[in-house]
Amino acid sequence: MSKTNEGQRTDIHARITDRIIEDLASGVRPWMKPWSAGNTHGRITRPLRHNGQPYSGMNVLLLWSEQISRGFTASMWMTFRQALELGAAVRKGETGSTVVFASRFTKSEADGDGGAVDREIPFLKAYSVFNVEQIDGLPEQYHILQKPVEDPIARIGNADRFFRNTGAIIRHGGNQAYYSPVMDHIQMPPFEAFKDTASYYATLSHEATHWTAAENRVGRDLSRYQKDRSERAREELIAELGSCFLCADLGIVPELEPRPDHASYLQSWLTVLANDKRAIFQAAAHAQRATAFLHDLQPQPEEARHVA
């Protein structure tokens, strides 16, 4: 990789991380902004591409932040060219919002013995997208308002089925919520101990993200969790982001006030992010893999028809 490309990657990591650090330093967890915003309308969802597919990982955080800070009520985004292909145009003077694309390319290098060896090189590219509210001339379906918020009882039933389908062992009792890697179970306080139903499922989403770390699931290494404050902070950040992603997918409002045991991680997150500009990107990627794994455990439409 050229020094120019490496510099561009570092700059993207630094610019985005610095924005998140600024929020954290003021006591604001930026991934919680969609739910805490007073002007939010309808159900919170992941940001959507022009084809209706949801964004994932770091781009969820970036576009949630942009949507709230710029006052957009629509959750759909597209590039300048995609708007043109739909016969529409971005309004003059509108500025785009940054999203990132991460991938790898293969480069052949001499191995010193007259041969060649292929090496995979990661790259990160930033590009701009525009909210549909910044675009004129789009087909009508791009301006259809989000569906009404799902009935609370139906939403709870959906969340119950989701966690039951994961196969995770979930025990209730005591006054702490945690995942035990040794016993491989999730421990939750009694349902009635939570201030509301949403808080229960938001906490369960957090612990279920931890649960995915086992080697036979997504395989995150938790061996240094108890001994290394930095590793503990990184895993808790993954679980926080995973909980937010799941809450958006399930229509659940996460706990806006952090649990006492998680609030203490704020300074640790600031330290980790300040020392490693890629940490938030890695955490978002791990959270995305965790939530995708949990979704993959759900019955597919064909299977669902055969489940009593």
Protein backbone atom coordinates (compact mmCIF):
# COMPACT_ATOMS: atom_id res chain seq x y z
CA MET A 1 0.00 0.00 0.00
CA SER A 2 1.32 3.46 -0.88
CA LYS A 3 2.11 6.00 1.82
CA THR A 4 -0.67 8.18 0.36
CA ASN A 5 -3.30 5.44 0.79
CA GLU A 6 -2.03 4.61 4.27
CA GLY A 7 -2.23 8.29 5.18
CA GLN A 8 -5.79 8.52 3.87
CA ARG A 9 -6.83 5.49 5.96
CA THR A 10 -5.24 6.97 9.07
CA ASP A 11 -6.93 10.31 8.43
CA ILE A 12 -10.37 8.68 8.08
CA HIS A 13 -9.88 6.72 11.31
CA ALA A 14 -8.66 9.82 13.13
CA ARG A 15 -11.37 12.18 11.90
CA ILE A 16 -14.22 9.87 12.83
CA THR A 17 -12.70 8.76 16.12
CA ASP A 18 -12.07 12.36 17.17
CA ARG A 19 -15.78 13.14 16.64
CA ILE A 20 -16.79 10.24 18.87
CA ILE A 21 -14.21 11.16 21.52
CA GLU A 22 -15.64 14.69 21.60
CA ASP A 23 -19.09 13.31 22.40
CA LEU A 24 -17.80 10.85 24.99
CA ALA A 25 -15.76 13.56 26.69
CA SER A 26 -18.98 15.52 27.24
CA GLY A 27 -20.67 12.44 28.72
CA VAL A 28 -22.70 11.59 25.61
CA ARG A 29 -22.62 8.10 24.13
CA PRO A 30 -23.10 8.96 20.44
CA TRP A 31 -24.64 5.60 19.59
CA MET A 32 -27.54 6.46 21.93
CA LYS A 33 -28.42 9.73 20.18
CA PRO A 34 -31.31 8.42 18.04
CA TRP A 35 -33.30 7.37 21.10
CA SER A 36 -32.49 10.42 23.22
CA ALA A 37 -33.31 12.99 20.54
CA GLY A 38 -36.47 14.92 21.30
CA ASN A 39 -37.41 15.39 17.65
CA THR A 40 -37.29 11.75 16.63
CA HIS A 41 -40.44 10.55 14.87
CA GLY A 42 -41.64 6.98 14.55
CA ARG A 43 -39.64 3.85 15.15
CA ILE A 44 -35.84 3.93 15.26
CA THR A 45 -34.31 1.72 12.56
CA ARG A 46 -30.90 1.21 11.10
CA PRO A 47 -30.07 3.67 8.30
CA LEU A 48 -31.09 2.30 4.91
CA ARG A 49 -29.40 2.26 1.50
CA HIS A 50 -31.31 3.40 -1.60
CA ASN A 51 -32.36 -0.23 -2.23
CA GLY A 52 -33.83 -0.64 1.25
CA GLN A 53 -30.95 -2.71 2.61
CA PRO A 54 -29.73 -1.59 6.06
CA TYR A 55 -26.25 -0.20 6.61
CA SER A 56 -24.06 -2.12 9.03
CA GLY A 57 -21.21 -1.64 11.48
CA MET A 58 -19.55 1.76 11.67
CA ASN A 59 -21.87 3.28 9.08
CA VAL A 60 -24.84 2.78 11.41
CA LEU A 61 -23.18 5.01 14.00
CA LEU A 62 -22.10 7.60 11.44
CA LEU A 63 -25.51 7.98 9.83
CA TRP A 64 -27.46 7.89 13.10
CA SER A 65 -25.30 10.79 14.26
CA GLU A 66 -25.79 12.69 11.00
CA GLN A 67 -29.55 12.11 10.98
CA ILE A 68 -29.96 13.53 14.46
CA SER A 69 -27.49 16.42 14.21
CA ARG A 70 -28.95 17.59 10.89
CA GLY A 71 -32.59 17.05 11.76
CA PHE A 72 -33.50 14.49 9.10
CA THR A 73 -36.59 12.39 9.81
CA ALA A 74 -35.99 9.97 6.90
CA SER A 75 -33.60 7.06 7.41
CA MET A 76 -32.75 6.42 3.73
CA TRP A 77 -29.52 7.56 2.09
CA MET A 78 -27.96 7.37 -1.39
CA THR A 79 -24.99 8.61 -3.39
CA PHE A 80 -25.11 11.51 -5.85
CA ARG A 81 -24.93 9.05 -8.77
CA GLN A 82 -27.67 6.80 -7.37
CA ALA A 83 -29.97 9.82 -7.18
CA LEU A 84 -29.22 10.66 -10.84
CA GLU A 85 -29.95 7.07 -11.88
CA LEU A 86 -33.40 7.44 -10.29
CA GLY A 87 -34.05 10.60 -12.31
CA ALA A 88 -33.54 12.81 -9.26
CA ALA A 89 -30.92 15.35 -8.22
CA VAL A 90 -29.29 16.50 -5.00
CA ARG A 91 -30.33 20.09 -4.32
CA LYS A 92 -27.72 22.74 -4.98
CA GLY A 93 -25.74 23.64 -1.88
CA GLU A 94 -26.48 20.40 0.00
CA THR A 95 -23.51 18.69 1.65
CA GLY A 96 -23.09 14.94 1.94
CA SER A 97 -22.50 12.74 4.98
CA THR A 98 -19.48 10.47 5.29
CA VAL A 99 -19.74 6.69 5.21
CA VAL A 100 -16.89 4.22 4.87
CA PHE A 101 -16.21 1.11 2.83
CA ALA A 102 -13.70 -1.41 4.14
CA SER A 103 -12.31 -4.28 2.09
CA ARG A 104 -9.09 -5.99 1.07
CA PHE A 105 -7.12 -6.46 -2.10
CA THR A 106 -4.45 -9.02 -2.95
CA LYS A 107 -0.96 -7.92 -3.91
CA SER A 108 1.83 -10.20 -5.15
CA GLU A 109 5.23 -9.55 -3.63
CA ALA A 110 8.64 -11.14 -4.10
CA ASP A 111 9.39 -13.70 -1.42
CA GLY A 112 13.19 -13.37 -1.59
CA ASP A 113 13.67 -16.76 -3.24
CA GLY A 114 12.78 -15.69 -6.74
CA GLY A 115 9.13 -16.50 -6.23
CA ALA A 116 6.07 -14.50 -5.33
CA VAL A 117 3.66 -14.55 -2.43
CA ASP A 118 0.17 -13.07 -2.30
CA ARG A 119 -0.53 -10.71 0.56
CA GLU A 120 -3.96 -9.39 1.53
CA ILE A 121 -3.92 -5.67 2.22
CA PRO A 122 -6.87 -3.96 3.96
CA PHE A 123 -8.10 -0.62 2.73
CA LEU A 124 -10.65 1.91 3.91
CA LYS A 125 -12.40 4.35 1.61
CA ALA A 126 -14.68 7.22 2.61
CA TYR A 127 -17.43 8.51 0.36
CA SER A 128 -20.48 10.76 0.66
CA VAL A 129 -24.17 9.94 0.75
CA PHE A 130 -27.19 12.20 0.92
CA ASN A 131 -30.40 11.82 2.87
CA VAL A 132 -33.51 11.55 0.68
CA GLU A 133 -34.68 14.83 2.24
CA GLN A 134 -31.78 16.52 0.41
CA ILE A 135 -32.88 15.21 -2.99
CA ASP A 136 -35.54 16.50 -5.40
CA GLY A 137 -37.41 14.41 -7.96
CA LEU A 138 -37.23 11.01 -6.29
CA PRO A 139 -40.02 8.50 -7.00
CA GLU A 140 -42.79 8.70 -4.43
CA GLN A 141 -41.87 5.49 -2.62
CA TYR A 142 -38.69 7.11 -1.34
CA HIS A 143 -40.74 9.63 0.60
CA ILE A 144 -43.20 7.20 2.20
CA LEU A 145 -43.13 7.66 5.96
CA GLN A 146 -41.98 4.84 8.17
CA LYS A 147 -44.56 2.33 9.29
CA PRO A 148 -46.29 3.15 12.58
CA VAL A 149 -44.58 1.88 15.69
CA GLU A 150 -45.39 -1.78 16.21
CA ASP A 151 -47.88 -2.66 18.93
CA PRO A 152 -45.93 -2.99 22.23
CA ILE A 153 -47.34 -6.44 23.01
CA ALA A 154 -46.42 -7.74 19.55
CA ARG A 155 -42.96 -6.20 19.88
CA ILE A 156 -42.34 -7.93 23.22
CA GLY A 157 -43.49 -11.25 21.80
CA ASN A 158 -41.12 -10.79 18.87
CA ALA A 159 -38.21 -10.08 21.23
CA ASP A 160 -39.07 -13.15 23.34
CA ARG A 161 -39.02 -15.37 20.27
CA PHE A 162 -35.78 -13.84 19.04
CA PHE A 163 -33.83 -14.62 22.22
CA ARG A 164 -35.47 -18.03 22.65
CA ASN A 165 -34.40 -18.95 19.11
CA THR A 166 -30.76 -18.24 19.90
CA GLY A 167 -30.64 -21.25 22.21
CA ALA A 168 -28.78 -19.28 24.86
CA ILE A 169 -29.28 -20.44 28.44
CA ILE A 170 -30.85 -17.45 30.23
CA ARG A 171 -31.20 -17.67 34.02
CA HIS A 172 -32.97 -15.23 36.31
CA GLY A 173 -32.17 -14.23 39.85
CA GLY A 174 -29.95 -11.95 41.90
CA ASN A 175 -29.29 -8.30 41.15
CA GLN A 176 -26.64 -8.50 38.43
CA ALA A 177 -26.75 -9.01 34.66
CA TYR A 178 -23.77 -10.78 33.13
CA TYR A 179 -22.57 -13.50 30.80
CA SER A 180 -20.51 -16.30 32.36
CA PRO A 181 -17.99 -17.69 29.83
CA VAL A 182 -17.11 -20.55 32.20
CA MET A 183 -20.71 -21.72 32.66
CA ASP A 184 -21.79 -20.41 29.25
CA HIS A 185 -25.03 -18.88 30.43
CA ILE A 186 -26.58 -15.42 30.68
CA GLN A 187 -27.62 -14.31 34.16
CA MET A 188 -30.39 -11.70 34.39
CA PRO A 189 -32.13 -10.12 37.40
CA PRO A 190 -35.85 -10.97 37.65
CA PHE A 191 -37.97 -9.31 34.97
CA GLU A 192 -39.84 -7.25 37.59
CA ALA A 193 -36.55 -5.74 38.82
CA PHE A 194 -36.27 -3.61 35.68
CA LYS A 195 -37.86 -0.16 35.44
CA ASP A 196 -39.68 -1.15 32.25
CA THR A 197 -39.92 -3.89 29.64
CA ALA A 198 -37.62 -2.11 27.20
CA SER A 199 -34.85 -1.92 29.80
CA TYR A 200 -35.04 -5.68 30.34
CA TYR A 201 -34.66 -6.48 26.63
CA ALA A 202 -31.98 -3.84 26.11
CA THR A 203 -29.94 -5.40 28.92
CA LEU A 204 -30.54 -8.89 27.54
CA SER A 205 -29.37 -7.67 24.12
CA HIS A 206 -26.12 -6.50 25.72
CA GLU A 207 -25.51 -9.83 27.45
CA ALA A 208 -26.48 -11.79 24.34
CA THR A 209 -23.78 -9.90 22.44
CA HIS A 210 -21.26 -11.08 25.06
CA TRP A 211 -22.67 -14.62 24.66
CA THR A 212 -21.69 -14.65 20.97
CA ALA A 213 -18.00 -14.43 21.95
CA ALA A 214 -17.67 -18.18 22.61
CA GLU A 215 -15.26 -20.01 20.31
CA ASN A 216 -18.06 -22.08 18.76
CA ARG A 217 -19.96 -18.87 17.89
CA VAL A 218 -18.09 -15.85 16.55
CA GLY A 219 -14.95 -16.51 18.55
CA ARG A 220 -13.94 -13.28 20.32
CA ASP A 221 -11.17 -13.90 22.84
CA LEU A 222 -12.35 -13.08 26.38
CA SER A 223 -9.38 -14.68 28.15
CA ARG A 224 -7.96 -11.29 29.22
CA TYR A 225 -11.31 -9.69 30.11
CA GLN A 226 -10.83 -9.92 33.89
CA LYS A 227 -7.14 -8.99 33.96
CA ASP A 228 -6.77 -6.25 31.33
CA ARG A 229 -8.78 -3.04 31.73
CA SER A 230 -8.29 -2.13 28.08
CA GLU A 231 -9.54 -5.51 26.85
CA ARG A 232 -12.52 -5.28 29.20
CA ALA A 233 -13.37 -1.81 27.90
CA ARG A 234 -13.17 -3.02 24.29
CA GLU A 235 -15.51 -5.96 24.95
CA GLU A 236 -17.99 -3.75 26.80
CA LEU A 237 -17.96 -1.30 23.89
CA ILE A 238 -18.73 -4.17 21.51
CA ALA A 239 -21.64 -5.25 23.72
CA GLU A 240 -22.96 -1.68 23.96
CA LEU A 241 -22.96 -1.29 20.18
CA GLY A 242 -24.38 -4.78 19.68
CA SER A 243 -27.22 -3.94 22.05
CA CYS A 244 -28.02 -0.76 20.10
CA PHE A 245 -28.01 -2.60 16.78
CA LEU A 246 -30.31 -5.30 18.17
CA CYS A 247 -32.62 -2.76 19.81
CA ALA A 248 -33.07 -1.00 16.47
CA ASP A 249 -33.76 -4.32 14.74
CA LEU A 250 -36.27 -5.43 17.40
CA GLY A 251 -37.99 -2.07 17.92
CA ILE A 252 -36.82 -1.85 21.53
CA VAL A 253 -35.75 1.38 23.25
CA PRO A 254 -32.39 0.78 24.98
CA GLU A 255 -31.58 2.03 28.45
CA LEU A 256 -30.70 5.68 27.94
CA GLU A 257 -28.99 5.87 31.31
CA PRO A 258 -26.03 3.46 31.50
CA ARG A 259 -26.04 0.82 34.20
CA PRO A 260 -23.70 1.72 37.08
CA ASP A 261 -21.28 -1.05 36.13
CA HIS A 262 -21.15 0.21 32.54
CA ALA A 263 -21.02 3.94 33.26
CA SER A 264 -17.60 3.33 34.80
CA TYR A 265 -16.28 2.31 31.37
CA LEU A 266 -16.66 5.83 29.95
CA GLN A 267 -13.12 6.92 30.85
CA SER A 268 -11.72 3.58 29.73
CA TRP A 269 -13.39 4.00 26.33
CA LEU A 270 -11.91 7.48 26.01
CA THR A 271 -8.46 6.09 26.77
CA VAL A 272 -8.81 3.19 24.31
CA LEU A 273 -10.10 5.42 21.50
CA ALA A 274 -7.46 8.08 22.08
CA ASN A 275 -4.66 5.48 21.90
CA ASP A 276 -6.08 3.46 19.00
CA LYS A 277 -7.86 5.31 16.20
CA ARG A 278 -9.13 2.03 14.76
CA ALA A 279 -10.74 0.81 17.99
CA ILE A 280 -14.25 2.14 17.34
CA PHE A 281 -14.19 0.69 13.80
CA GLN A 282 -13.11 -2.71 15.16
CA ALA A 283 -15.75 -2.59 17.91
CA ALA A 284 -18.49 -1.76 15.40
CA ALA A 285 -17.34 -4.58 13.11
CA HIS A 286 -17.35 -7.08 16.01
CA ALA A 287 -20.80 -5.86 17.09
CA GLN A 288 -22.06 -6.31 13.54
CA ARG A 289 -20.73 -9.87 13.39
CA ALA A 290 -22.33 -10.63 16.76
CA THR A 291 -25.77 -9.34 15.76
CA ALA A 292 -25.58 -11.04 12.38
CA PHE A 293 -24.81 -14.33 14.16
CA LEU A 294 -27.86 -13.88 16.42
CA HIS A 295 -30.05 -13.11 13.41
CA ASP A 296 -28.73 -16.18 11.60
CA LEU A 297 -30.01 -18.34 14.48
CA GLN A 298 -33.58 -17.30 13.73
CA PRO A 299 -35.80 -19.63 11.69
CA GLN A 300 -35.94 -18.75 8.03
CA PRO A 301 -39.41 -18.25 6.48
CA GLU A 302 -39.45 -21.80 5.10
CA GLU A 303 -38.38 -23.24 8.46
CA ALA A 304 -40.83 -21.08 10.38
CA ARG A 305 -43.77 -22.70 8.65
CA HIS A 306 -42.74 -26.05 10.15
CA VAL A 307 -42.14 -24.85 13.69
CA ALA A 308 -45.06 -25.34 16.06
